[in-house]
Every structure is written in C-alpha cells, then in structure tokens.
Amino acid sequence: VLILVMFIGGCAGSTGGGMKVVRILILLRYSRAELFKVIHP
C-alpha cells in the first residue's frame, strides 16, 4: 500500500513531490474517455 502511494505525490502547487495528484486524476479521466470511444467510436 505504501509503495503504491509513493507513485502519487502531493497536489500541484503544493510543497509535495511525486507525479502529482492532478496528473493521476487527468490520466484516469483520459483513460475513461478512451474506453468510451472504443464503445462509441
């Protein structure tokens, strides 16, 4: 669980490091949009 969390990081504009929560969130929404396109081209 700790290792998985290590890959996330803090929010954009924070003092935290990592890949940043906003990037993870946008990537997840982008992936969802791409899956939707597979069903509805």
ModelCIF file with pLDDT and N, C-alpha, C, O atoms, coordinates in Angstrom:
data_MODEL
#
_entry.id   MODEL 
#
_entity.id                         1 
_entity.type                       polymer 
_entity.pdbx_number_of_molecules   1 
#
_entity_poly.entity_id                      1 
_entity_poly.type                           'polypeptide(L)' 
_entity_poly.nstd_linkage                   no 
_entity_poly.nstd_monomer                   no 
_entity_poly.pdbx_seq_one_letter_code       VLILVMFIGGCAGSTGGGMKVVRILILLRYSRAELFKVIHP 
_entity_poly.pdbx_seq_one_letter_code_can   VLILVMFIGGCAGSTGGGMKVVRILILLRYSRAELFKVIHP 
_entity_poly.pdbx_strand_id                 A 
#
loop_
_entity_poly_seq.entity_id 
_entity_poly_seq.num 
_entity_poly_seq.mon_id 
_entity_poly_seq.hetero 
1 1  VAL n 
1 2  LEU n 
1 3  ILE n 
1 4  LEU n 
1 5  VAL n 
1 6  MET n 
1 7  PHE n 
1 8  ILE n 
1 9  GLY n 
1 10 GLY n 
1 11 CYS n 
1 12 ALA n 
1 13 GLY n 
1 14 SER n 
1 15 THR n 
1 16 GLY n 
1 17 GLY n 
1 18 GLY n 
1 19 MET n 
1 20 LYS n 
1 21 VAL n 
1 22 VAL n 
1 23 ARG n 
1 24 ILE n 
1 25 LEU n 
1 26 ILE n 
1 27 LEU n 
1 28 LEU n 
1 29 ARG n 
1 30 TYR n 
1 31 SER n 
1 32 ARG n 
1 33 ALA n 
1 34 GLU n 
1 35 LEU n 
1 36 PHE n 
1 37 LYS n 
1 38 VAL n 
1 39 ILE n 
1 40 HIS n 
1 41 PRO n 
#
_struct_asym.id          A 
_struct_asym.entity_id   1 
#
loop_
_ma_qa_metric.id 
_ma_qa_metric.mode 
_ma_qa_metric.name 
_ma_qa_metric.software_group_id 
_ma_qa_metric.type 
1 global pLDDT . pLDDT 
2 local  pLDDT . pLDDT 
#
_ma_qa_metric_global.metric_id      1 
_ma_qa_metric_global.metric_value   89.78 
_ma_qa_metric_global.model_id       1 
_ma_qa_metric_global.ordinal_id     1 
#
loop_
_ma_qa_metric_local.label_asym_id 
_ma_qa_metric_local.label_comp_id 
_ma_qa_metric_local.label_seq_id 
_ma_qa_metric_local.metric_id 
_ma_qa_metric_local.metric_value 
_ma_qa_metric_local.model_id 
_ma_qa_metric_local.ordinal_id 
A VAL 1  2 96.00 1 1  
A LEU 2  2 95.00 1 2  
A ILE 3  2 94.00 1 3  
A LEU 4  2 94.00 1 4  
A VAL 5  2 94.00 1 5  
A MET 6  2 94.00 1 6  
A PHE 7  2 93.00 1 7  
A ILE 8  2 94.00 1 8  
A GLY 9  2 91.00 1 9  
A GLY 10 2 91.00 1 10 
A CYS 11 2 91.00 1 11 
A ALA 12 2 87.00 1 12 
A GLY 13 2 84.00 1 13 
A SER 14 2 88.00 1 14 
A THR 15 2 87.00 1 15 
A GLY 16 2 89.00 1 16 
A GLY 17 2 87.00 1 17 
A GLY 18 2 90.00 1 18 
A MET 19 2 91.00 1 19 
A LYS 20 2 92.00 1 20 
A VAL 21 2 93.00 1 21 
A VAL 22 2 91.00 1 22 
A ARG 23 2 92.00 1 23 
A ILE 24 2 93.00 1 24 
A LEU 25 2 93.00 1 25 
A ILE 26 2 92.00 1 26 
A LEU 27 2 92.00 1 27 
A LEU 28 2 93.00 1 28 
A ARG 29 2 92.00 1 29 
A TYR 30 2 92.00 1 30 
A SER 31 2 91.00 1 31 
A ARG 32 2 90.00 1 32 
A ALA 33 2 88.00 1 33 
A GLU 34 2 87.00 1 34 
A LEU 35 2 88.00 1 35 
A PHE 36 2 85.00 1 36 
A LYS 37 2 82.00 1 37 
A VAL 38 2 83.00 1 38 
A ILE 39 2 82.00 1 39 
A HIS 40 2 80.00 1 40 
A PRO 41 2 80.00 1 41 
#
loop_
_atom_site.group_PDB 
_atom_site.id 
_atom_site.type_symbol 
_atom_site.label_atom_id 
_atom_site.label_alt_id 
_atom_site.label_comp_id 
_atom_site.label_asym_id 
_atom_site.label_entity_id 
_atom_site.label_seq_id 
_atom_site.pdbx_PDB_ins_code 
_atom_site.Cartn_x 
_atom_site.Cartn_y 
_atom_site.Cartn_z 
_atom_site.occupancy 
_atom_site.B_iso_or_equiv 
_atom_site.pdbx_formal_charge 
_atom_site.auth_seq_id 
_atom_site.auth_comp_id 
_atom_site.auth_asym_id 
_atom_site.auth_atom_id 
_atom_site.pdbx_PDB_model_num 
ATOM 1   N N  . VAL A 1 1  ? 0.845   -1.201 0.000   1.00 96.00 ? 1  VAL A N  1 
ATOM 2   C CA . VAL A 1 1  ? 0.000   0.000  0.000   1.00 96.00 ? 1  VAL A CA 1 
ATOM 3   C C  . VAL A 1 1  ? 0.877   1.247  0.000   1.00 96.00 ? 1  VAL A C  1 
ATOM 4   O O  . VAL A 1 1  ? 0.607   2.201  -0.729  1.00 96.00 ? 1  VAL A O  1 
ATOM 5   N N  . LEU A 1 2  ? 1.929   1.236  0.820   1.00 95.00 ? 2  LEU A N  1 
ATOM 6   C CA . LEU A 1 2  ? 2.835   2.384  0.878   1.00 95.00 ? 2  LEU A CA 1 
ATOM 7   C C  . LEU A 1 2  ? 3.567   2.586  -0.443  1.00 95.00 ? 2  LEU A C  1 
ATOM 8   O O  . LEU A 1 2  ? 3.743   3.721  -0.886  1.00 95.00 ? 2  LEU A O  1 
ATOM 9   N N  . ILE A 1 3  ? 3.996   1.494  -1.077  1.00 94.00 ? 3  ILE A N  1 
ATOM 10  C CA . ILE A 1 3  ? 4.698   1.590  -2.359  1.00 94.00 ? 3  ILE A CA 1 
ATOM 11  C C  . ILE A 1 3  ? 3.793   2.195  -3.426  1.00 94.00 ? 3  ILE A C  1 
ATOM 12  O O  . ILE A 1 3  ? 4.237   3.037  -4.207  1.00 94.00 ? 3  ILE A O  1 
ATOM 13  N N  . LEU A 1 4  ? 2.536   1.779  -3.468  1.00 94.00 ? 4  LEU A N  1 
ATOM 14  C CA . LEU A 1 4  ? 1.596   2.328  -4.445  1.00 94.00 ? 4  LEU A CA 1 
ATOM 15  C C  . LEU A 1 4  ? 1.394   3.825  -4.237  1.00 94.00 ? 4  LEU A C  1 
ATOM 16  O O  . LEU A 1 4  ? 1.328   4.591  -5.198  1.00 94.00 ? 4  LEU A O  1 
ATOM 17  N N  . VAL A 1 5  ? 1.296   4.236  -2.968  1.00 94.00 ? 5  VAL A N  1 
ATOM 18  C CA . VAL A 1 5  ? 1.095   5.649  -2.650  1.00 94.00 ? 5  VAL A CA 1 
ATOM 19  C C  . VAL A 1 5  ? 2.323   6.473  -3.041  1.00 94.00 ? 5  VAL A C  1 
ATOM 20  O O  . VAL A 1 5  ? 2.200   7.651  -3.375  1.00 94.00 ? 5  VAL A O  1 
ATOM 21  N N  . MET A 1 6  ? 3.512   5.852  -3.000  1.00 94.00 ? 6  MET A N  1 
ATOM 22  C CA . MET A 1 6  ? 4.749   6.560  -3.357  1.00 94.00 ? 6  MET A CA 1 
ATOM 23  C C  . MET A 1 6  ? 4.715   7.117  -4.778  1.00 94.00 ? 6  MET A C  1 
ATOM 24  O O  . MET A 1 6  ? 5.382   8.110  -5.067  1.00 94.00 ? 6  MET A O  1 
ATOM 25  N N  . PHE A 1 7  ? 3.957   6.498  -5.654  1.00 93.00 ? 7  PHE A N  1 
ATOM 26  C CA . PHE A 1 7  ? 3.923   6.915  -7.050  1.00 93.00 ? 7  PHE A CA 1 
ATOM 27  C C  . PHE A 1 7  ? 2.942   8.067  -7.306  1.00 93.00 ? 7  PHE A C  1 
ATOM 28  O O  . PHE A 1 7  ? 2.844   8.552  -8.433  1.00 93.00 ? 7  PHE A O  1 
ATOM 29  N N  . ILE A 1 8  ? 2.222   8.504  -6.279  1.00 94.00 ? 8  ILE A N  1 
ATOM 30  C CA . ILE A 1 8  ? 1.208   9.548  -6.484  1.00 94.00 ? 8  ILE A CA 1 
ATOM 31  C C  . ILE A 1 8  ? 1.758   10.933 -6.201  1.00 94.00 ? 8  ILE A C  1 
ATOM 32  O O  . ILE A 1 8  ? 1.834   11.764 -7.106  1.00 94.00 ? 8  ILE A O  1 
ATOM 33  N N  . GLY A 1 9  ? 2.142   11.196 -4.961  1.00 91.00 ? 9  GLY A N  1 
ATOM 34  C CA . GLY A 1 9  ? 2.658   12.515 -4.612  1.00 91.00 ? 9  GLY A CA 1 
ATOM 35  C C  . GLY A 1 9  ? 1.569   13.469 -4.172  1.00 91.00 ? 9  GLY A C  1 
ATOM 36  O O  . GLY A 1 9  ? 0.403   13.091 -4.061  1.00 91.00 ? 9  GLY A O  1 
ATOM 37  N N  . GLY A 1 10 ? 1.961   14.721 -3.921  1.00 91.00 ? 10 GLY A N  1 
ATOM 38  C CA . GLY A 1 10 ? 1.018   15.741 -3.459  1.00 91.00 ? 10 GLY A CA 1 
ATOM 39  C C  . GLY A 1 10 ? 0.282   16.398 -4.608  1.00 91.00 ? 10 GLY A C  1 
ATOM 40  O O  . GLY A 1 10 ? 0.343   15.940 -5.749  1.00 91.00 ? 10 GLY A O  1 
ATOM 41  N N  . CYS A 1 11 ? -0.415  17.478 -4.291  1.00 91.00 ? 11 CYS A N  1 
ATOM 42  C CA . CYS A 1 11 ? -1.168  18.227 -5.305  1.00 91.00 ? 11 CYS A CA 1 
ATOM 43  C C  . CYS A 1 11 ? -0.239  19.182 -6.052  1.00 91.00 ? 11 CYS A C  1 
ATOM 44  O O  . CYS A 1 11 ? 0.825   19.546 -5.552  1.00 91.00 ? 11 CYS A O  1 
ATOM 45  N N  . ALA A 1 12 ? -0.652  19.579 -7.247  1.00 87.00 ? 12 ALA A N  1 
ATOM 46  C CA . ALA A 1 12 ? 0.063   20.629 -7.968  1.00 87.00 ? 12 ALA A CA 1 
ATOM 47  C C  . ALA A 1 12 ? 0.011   21.909 -7.147  1.00 87.00 ? 12 ALA A C  1 
ATOM 48  O O  . ALA A 1 12 ? -1.020  22.216 -6.548  1.00 87.00 ? 12 ALA A O  1 
ATOM 49  N N  . GLY A 1 13 ? 1.112   22.662 -7.110  1.00 84.00 ? 13 GLY A N  1 
ATOM 50  C CA . GLY A 1 13 ? 1.132   23.891 -6.332  1.00 84.00 ? 13 GLY A CA 1 
ATOM 51  C C  . GLY A 1 13 ? 1.342   23.670 -4.852  1.00 84.00 ? 13 GLY A C  1 
ATOM 52  O O  . GLY A 1 13 ? 1.262   24.618 -4.071  1.00 84.00 ? 13 GLY A O  1 
ATOM 53  N N  . SER A 1 14 ? 1.612   22.425 -4.443  1.00 88.00 ? 14 SER A N  1 
ATOM 54  C CA . SER A 1 14 ? 1.915   22.127 -3.045  1.00 88.00 ? 14 SER A CA 1 
ATOM 55  C C  . SER A 1 14 ? 3.430   22.061 -2.880  1.00 88.00 ? 14 SER A C  1 
ATOM 56  O O  . SER A 1 14 ? 4.176   22.275 -3.835  1.00 88.00 ? 14 SER A O  1 
ATOM 57  N N  . THR A 1 15 ? 3.874   21.765 -1.674  1.00 87.00 ? 15 THR A N  1 
ATOM 58  C CA . THR A 1 15 ? 5.308   21.557 -1.461  1.00 87.00 ? 15 THR A CA 1 
ATOM 59  C C  . THR A 1 15 ? 5.667   20.087 -1.607  1.00 87.00 ? 15 THR A C  1 
ATOM 60  O O  . THR A 1 15 ? 6.830   19.714 -1.452  1.00 87.00 ? 15 THR A O  1 
ATOM 61  N N  . GLY A 1 16 ? 4.679   19.249 -1.903  1.00 89.00 ? 16 GLY A N  1 
ATOM 62  C CA . GLY A 1 16 ? 4.918   17.821 -2.077  1.00 89.00 ? 16 GLY A CA 1 
ATOM 63  C C  . GLY A 1 16 ? 5.552   17.497 -3.417  1.00 89.00 ? 16 GLY A C  1 
ATOM 64  O O  . GLY A 1 16 ? 5.470   18.285 -4.358  1.00 89.00 ? 16 GLY A O  1 
ATOM 65  N N  . GLY A 1 17 ? 6.181   16.341 -3.500  1.00 87.00 ? 17 GLY A N  1 
ATOM 66  C CA . GLY A 1 17 ? 6.811   15.905 -4.742  1.00 87.00 ? 17 GLY A CA 1 
ATOM 67  C C  . GLY A 1 17 ? 5.950   14.884 -5.460  1.00 87.00 ? 17 GLY A C  1 
ATOM 68  O O  . GLY A 1 17 ? 4.722   14.952 -5.406  1.00 87.00 ? 17 GLY A O  1 
ATOM 69  N N  . GLY A 1 18 ? 6.596   13.929 -6.137  1.00 90.00 ? 18 GLY A N  1 
ATOM 70  C CA . GLY A 1 18 ? 5.873   12.879 -6.843  1.00 90.00 ? 18 GLY A CA 1 
ATOM 71  C C  . GLY A 1 18 ? 5.309   13.328 -8.172  1.00 90.00 ? 18 GLY A C  1 
ATOM 72  O O  . GLY A 1 18 ? 5.603   14.425 -8.645  1.00 90.00 ? 18 GLY A O  1 
ATOM 73  N N  . MET A 1 19 ? 4.494   12.472 -8.776  1.00 91.00 ? 19 MET A N  1 
ATOM 74  C CA . MET A 1 19 ? 3.919   12.776 -10.083 1.00 91.00 ? 19 MET A CA 1 
ATOM 75  C C  . MET A 1 19 ? 2.787   13.794 -10.003 1.00 91.00 ? 19 MET A C  1 
ATOM 76  O O  . MET A 1 19 ? 2.421   14.387 -11.018 1.00 91.00 ? 19 MET A O  1 
ATOM 77  N N  . LYS A 1 20 ? 2.239   14.000 -8.839  1.00 92.00 ? 20 LYS A N  1 
ATOM 78  C CA . LYS A 1 20 ? 1.160   14.944 -8.536  1.00 92.00 ? 20 LYS A CA 1 
ATOM 79  C C  . LYS A 1 20 ? -0.217  14.335 -8.797  1.00 92.00 ? 20 LYS A C  1 
ATOM 80  O O  . LYS A 1 20 ? -0.455  13.665 -9.802  1.00 92.00 ? 20 LYS A O  1 
ATOM 81  N N  . VAL A 1 21 ? -1.109  14.599 -7.845  1.00 93.00 ? 21 VAL A N  1 
ATOM 82  C CA . VAL A 1 21 ? -2.471  14.073 -7.869  1.00 93.00 ? 21 VAL A CA 1 
ATOM 83  C C  . VAL A 1 21 ? -3.207  14.494 -9.139  1.00 93.00 ? 21 VAL A C  1 
ATOM 84  O O  . VAL A 1 21 ? -3.945  13.695 -9.716  1.00 93.00 ? 21 VAL A O  1 
ATOM 85  N N  . VAL A 1 22 ? -3.018  15.741 -9.583  1.00 91.00 ? 22 VAL A N  1 
ATOM 86  C CA . VAL A 1 22 ? -3.754  16.236 -10.749 1.00 91.00 ? 22 VAL A CA 1 
ATOM 87  C C  . VAL A 1 22 ? -3.402  15.431 -12.000 1.00 91.00 ? 22 VAL A C  1 
ATOM 88  O O  . VAL A 1 22 ? -4.274  15.174 -12.830 1.00 91.00 ? 22 VAL A O  1 
ATOM 89  N N  . ARG A 1 23 ? -2.147  15.032 -12.145 1.00 92.00 ? 23 ARG A N  1 
ATOM 90  C CA . ARG A 1 23 ? -1.758  14.232 -13.310 1.00 92.00 ? 23 ARG A CA 1 
ATOM 91  C C  . ARG A 1 23 ? -2.424  12.852 -13.270 1.00 92.00 ? 23 ARG A C  1 
ATOM 92  O O  . ARG A 1 23 ? -2.911  12.355 -14.286 1.00 92.00 ? 23 ARG A O  1 
ATOM 93  N N  . ILE A 1 24 ? -2.437  12.249 -12.092 1.00 93.00 ? 24 ILE A N  1 
ATOM 94  C CA . ILE A 1 24 ? -3.076  10.931 -11.944 1.00 93.00 ? 24 ILE A CA 1 
ATOM 95  C C  . ILE A 1 24 ? -4.563  11.038 -12.276 1.00 93.00 ? 24 ILE A C  1 
ATOM 96  O O  . ILE A 1 24 ? -5.112  10.190 -12.979 1.00 93.00 ? 24 ILE A O  1 
ATOM 97  N N  . LEU A 1 25 ? -5.209  12.090 -11.764 1.00 93.00 ? 25 LEU A N  1 
ATOM 98  C CA . LEU A 1 25 ? -6.647  12.275 -11.981 1.00 93.00 ? 25 LEU A CA 1 
ATOM 99  C C  . LEU A 1 25 ? -6.952  12.487 -13.461 1.00 93.00 ? 25 LEU A C  1 
ATOM 100 O O  . LEU A 1 25 ? -7.872  11.870 -13.998 1.00 93.00 ? 25 LEU A O  1 
ATOM 101 N N  . ILE A 1 26 ? -6.185  13.357 -14.124 1.00 92.00 ? 26 ILE A N  1 
ATOM 102 C CA . ILE A 1 26 ? -6.433  13.623 -15.549 1.00 92.00 ? 26 ILE A CA 1 
ATOM 103 C C  . ILE A 1 26 ? -6.148  12.382 -16.395 1.00 92.00 ? 26 ILE A C  1 
ATOM 104 O O  . ILE A 1 26 ? -6.863  12.115 -17.361 1.00 92.00 ? 26 ILE A O  1 
ATOM 105 N N  . LEU A 1 27 ? -5.115  11.629 -16.043 1.00 92.00 ? 27 LEU A N  1 
ATOM 106 C CA . LEU A 1 27 ? -4.822  10.391 -16.770 1.00 92.00 ? 27 LEU A CA 1 
ATOM 107 C C  . LEU A 1 27 ? -5.952  9.380  -16.630 1.00 92.00 ? 27 LEU A C  1 
ATOM 108 O O  . LEU A 1 27 ? -6.308  8.704  -17.595 1.00 92.00 ? 27 LEU A O  1 
ATOM 109 N N  . LEU A 1 28 ? -6.516  9.277  -15.434 1.00 93.00 ? 28 LEU A N  1 
ATOM 110 C CA . LEU A 1 28 ? -7.640  8.361  -15.217 1.00 93.00 ? 28 LEU A CA 1 
ATOM 111 C C  . LEU A 1 28 ? -8.852  8.791  -16.050 1.00 93.00 ? 28 LEU A C  1 
ATOM 112 O O  . LEU A 1 28 ? -9.527  7.952  -16.647 1.00 93.00 ? 28 LEU A O  1 
ATOM 113 N N  . ARG A 1 29 ? -9.121  10.087 -16.085 1.00 92.00 ? 29 ARG A N  1 
ATOM 114 C CA . ARG A 1 29 ? -10.264 10.580 -16.866 1.00 92.00 ? 29 ARG A CA 1 
ATOM 115 C C  . ARG A 1 29 ? -10.000 10.434 -18.366 1.00 92.00 ? 29 ARG A C  1 
ATOM 116 O O  . ARG A 1 29 ? -10.916 10.161 -19.142 1.00 92.00 ? 29 ARG A O  1 
ATOM 117 N N  . TYR A 1 30 ? -8.757  10.617 -18.758 1.00 92.00 ? 30 TYR A N  1 
ATOM 118 C CA . TYR A 1 30 ? -8.389  10.419 -20.162 1.00 92.00 ? 30 TYR A CA 1 
ATOM 119 C C  . TYR A 1 30 ? -8.567  8.956  -20.561 1.00 92.00 ? 30 TYR A C  1 
ATOM 120 O O  . TYR A 1 30 ? -9.069  8.662  -21.646 1.00 92.00 ? 30 TYR A O  1 
ATOM 121 N N  . SER A 1 31 ? -8.156  8.038  -19.682 1.00 91.00 ? 31 SER A N  1 
ATOM 122 C CA . SER A 1 31 ? -8.311  6.603  -19.955 1.00 91.00 ? 31 SER A CA 1 
ATOM 123 C C  . SER A 1 31 ? -9.778  6.221  -20.058 1.00 91.00 ? 31 SER A C  1 
ATOM 124 O O  . SER A 1 31 ? -10.172 5.420  -20.906 1.00 91.00 ? 31 SER A O  1 
ATOM 125 N N  . ARG A 1 32 ? -10.573 6.809  -19.179 1.00 90.00 ? 32 ARG A N  1 
ATOM 126 C CA . ARG A 1 32 ? -12.015 6.533  -19.219 1.00 90.00 ? 32 ARG A CA 1 
ATOM 127 C C  . ARG A 1 32 ? -12.624 7.039  -20.524 1.00 90.00 ? 32 ARG A C  1 
ATOM 128 O O  . ARG A 1 32 ? -13.477 6.376  -21.114 1.00 90.00 ? 32 ARG A O  1 
ATOM 129 N N  . ALA A 1 33 ? -12.181 8.222  -20.974 1.00 88.00 ? 33 ALA A N  1 
ATOM 130 C CA . ALA A 1 33 ? -12.692 8.775  -22.229 1.00 88.00 ? 33 ALA A CA 1 
ATOM 131 C C  . ALA A 1 33 ? -12.290 7.902  -23.413 1.00 88.00 ? 33 ALA A C  1 
ATOM 132 O O  . ALA A 1 33 ? -13.073 7.719  -24.345 1.00 88.00 ? 33 ALA A O  1 
ATOM 133 N N  . GLU A 1 34 ? -11.068 7.362  -23.378 1.00 87.00 ? 34 GLU A N  1 
ATOM 134 C CA . GLU A 1 34 ? -10.606 6.489  -24.456 1.00 87.00 ? 34 GLU A CA 1 
ATOM 135 C C  . GLU A 1 34 ? -11.388 5.177  -24.487 1.00 87.00 ? 34 GLU A C  1 
ATOM 136 O O  . GLU A 1 34 ? -11.695 4.659  -25.560 1.00 87.00 ? 34 GLU A O  1 
ATOM 137 N N  . LEU A 1 35 ? -11.710 4.640  -23.304 1.00 88.00 ? 35 LEU A N  1 
ATOM 138 C CA . LEU A 1 35 ? -12.523 3.412  -23.238 1.00 88.00 ? 35 LEU A CA 1 
ATOM 139 C C  . LEU A 1 35 ? -13.923 3.677  -23.789 1.00 88.00 ? 35 LEU A C  1 
ATOM 140 O O  . LEU A 1 35 ? -14.506 2.825  -24.459 1.00 88.00 ? 35 LEU A O  1 
ATOM 141 N N  . PHE A 1 36 ? -14.454 4.860  -23.503 1.00 85.00 ? 36 PHE A N  1 
ATOM 142 C CA . PHE A 1 36 ? -15.782 5.231  -24.012 1.00 85.00 ? 36 PHE A CA 1 
ATOM 143 C C  . PHE A 1 36 ? -15.771 5.290  -25.536 1.00 85.00 ? 36 PHE A C  1 
ATOM 144 O O  . PHE A 1 36 ? -16.736 4.898  -26.191 1.00 85.00 ? 36 PHE A O  1 
ATOM 145 N N  . LYS A 1 37 ? -14.655 5.789  -26.093 1.00 82.00 ? 37 LYS A N  1 
ATOM 146 C CA . LYS A 1 37 ? -14.536 5.891  -27.549 1.00 82.00 ? 37 LYS A CA 1 
ATOM 147 C C  . LYS A 1 37 ? -14.479 4.519  -28.208 1.00 82.00 ? 37 LYS A C  1 
ATOM 148 O O  . LYS A 1 37 ? -14.925 4.350  -29.343 1.00 82.00 ? 37 LYS A O  1 
ATOM 149 N N  . VAL A 1 38 ? -13.928 3.535  -27.489 1.00 83.00 ? 38 VAL A N  1 
ATOM 150 C CA . VAL A 1 38 ? -13.881 2.168  -28.034 1.00 83.00 ? 38 VAL A CA 1 
ATOM 151 C C  . VAL A 1 38 ? -15.300 1.640  -28.226 1.00 83.00 ? 38 VAL A C  1 
ATOM 152 O O  . VAL A 1 38 ? -15.596 0.959  -29.208 1.00 83.00 ? 38 VAL A O  1 
ATOM 153 N N  . ILE A 1 39 ? -16.175 1.965  -27.269 1.00 82.00 ? 39 ILE A N  1 
ATOM 154 C CA . ILE A 1 39 ? -17.569 1.500  -27.340 1.00 82.00 ? 39 ILE A CA 1 
ATOM 155 C C  . ILE A 1 39 ? -18.370 2.357  -28.319 1.00 82.00 ? 39 ILE A C  1 
ATOM 156 O O  . ILE A 1 39 ? -19.210 1.852  -29.064 1.00 82.00 ? 39 ILE A O  1 
ATOM 157 N N  . HIS A 1 40 ? -18.090 3.678  -28.302 1.00 80.00 ? 40 HIS A N  1 
ATOM 158 C CA . HIS A 1 40 ? -18.815 4.604  -29.174 1.00 80.00 ? 40 HIS A CA 1 
ATOM 159 C C  . HIS A 1 40 ? -17.798 5.388  -30.023 1.00 80.00 ? 40 HIS A C  1 
ATOM 160 O O  . HIS A 1 40 ? -17.439 6.513  -29.675 1.00 80.00 ? 40 HIS A O  1 
ATOM 161 N N  . PRO A 1 41 ? -17.341 4.802  -31.120 1.00 80.00 ? 41 PRO A N  1 
ATOM 162 C CA . PRO A 1 41 ? -16.263 5.415  -31.931 1.00 80.00 ? 41 PRO A CA 1 
ATOM 163 C C  . PRO A 1 41 ? -16.576 6.808  -32.442 1.00 80.00 ? 41 PRO A C  1 
ATOM 164 O O  . PRO A 1 41 ? -15.752 7.414  -33.127 1.00 80.00 ? 41 PRO A O  1 
#
